[in-house]
Amino acid sequence: VYTSTATRELPPAELRELLRGSRKRNAWRGVTGLLAYHDGLFMQVMEGPSETVNALFQEVARDDRHSGIL
């Protein structure tokens, strides 16, 4: 589980595309979870094999659409 702050306003169409892409990539990796966004804040739960989740988290952490990951 992590939380972060968006680095810019994300319009609904961009959020939908982010969710679509995440669902597709996560299903391929065998990862499930939840991604929530509200008022510029993200919260994500990722479930799956620890090595896979850790590798995915490293990718997510490099995404410039958010910062301040906890």
Protein backbone atom coordinates (compact mmCIF):
# COMPACT_ATOMS: atom_id res chain seq x y z
CA VAL A 1 0.00 0.00 0.00
CA TYR A 2 1.24 3.48 -0.78
CA THR A 3 -0.08 7.01 -0.95
CA SER A 4 1.24 9.87 -3.05
CA THR A 5 0.40 13.34 -4.33
CA ALA A 6 -0.29 14.12 -7.97
CA THR A 7 2.27 16.49 -9.51
CA ARG A 8 -0.43 18.11 -11.66
CA GLU A 9 -4.17 17.99 -12.14
CA LEU A 10 -5.18 14.79 -13.92
CA PRO A 11 -8.29 15.12 -16.08
CA PRO A 12 -10.87 12.30 -15.96
CA ALA A 13 -9.88 10.97 -19.40
CA GLU A 14 -6.24 10.62 -18.33
CA LEU A 15 -7.27 8.88 -15.10
CA ARG A 16 -9.41 6.42 -17.06
CA GLU A 17 -6.49 5.65 -19.37
CA LEU A 18 -4.17 5.19 -16.38
CA LEU A 19 -6.65 2.74 -14.85
CA ARG A 20 -7.12 0.83 -18.13
CA GLY A 21 -3.39 0.44 -18.64
CA SER A 22 -2.80 -0.55 -15.01
CA ARG A 23 -5.50 -3.20 -15.10
CA LYS A 24 -4.07 -4.73 -18.26
CA ARG A 25 -0.44 -4.76 -17.07
CA ASN A 26 -1.35 -5.96 -13.58
CA ALA A 27 -3.50 -8.83 -14.88
CA TRP A 28 -0.61 -9.96 -17.08
CA ARG A 29 1.68 -9.95 -14.01
CA GLY A 30 -0.84 -11.69 -11.73
CA VAL A 31 -1.21 -8.60 -9.53
CA THR A 32 -4.54 -7.43 -8.11
CA GLY A 33 -5.44 -4.49 -5.93
CA LEU A 34 -7.07 -1.09 -5.83
CA LEU A 35 -6.14 2.33 -7.17
CA ALA A 36 -7.95 5.36 -5.74
CA TYR A 37 -7.59 9.04 -6.66
CA HIS A 38 -9.29 12.01 -5.00
CA ASP A 39 -8.41 15.71 -4.84
CA GLY A 40 -4.87 15.18 -6.11
CA LEU A 41 -4.06 12.21 -3.88
CA PHE A 42 -3.41 8.61 -4.89
CA MET A 43 -3.74 5.50 -2.78
CA GLN A 44 -2.93 2.09 -4.18
CA VAL A 45 -3.03 -1.43 -2.79
CA MET A 46 -1.10 -4.06 -4.75
CA GLU A 47 -1.45 -7.79 -4.06
CA GLY A 48 0.52 -10.63 -5.57
CA PRO A 49 3.86 -12.41 -5.36
CA SER A 50 6.24 -10.22 -3.32
CA GLU A 51 8.95 -10.10 -6.00
CA THR A 52 6.40 -9.03 -8.61
CA VAL A 53 4.80 -6.41 -6.38
CA ASN A 54 8.20 -5.02 -5.37
CA ALA A 55 9.28 -4.73 -9.02
CA LEU A 56 5.97 -3.09 -9.93
CA PHE A 57 6.31 -0.64 -7.04
CA GLN A 58 9.75 0.38 -8.33
CA GLU A 59 8.17 1.19 -11.71
CA VAL A 60 5.31 3.09 -10.08
CA ALA A 61 7.73 5.09 -7.93
CA ARG A 62 9.47 6.41 -11.09
CA ASP A 63 6.21 7.72 -12.59
CA ASP A 64 6.40 11.53 -12.76
CA ARG A 65 2.63 11.95 -12.37
CA HIS A 66 3.06 11.74 -8.59
CA SER A 67 5.52 12.44 -5.79
CA GLY A 68 5.79 12.18 -2.02
CA ILE A 69 5.27 8.42 -1.99
CA LEU A 70 4.69 6.94 1.46
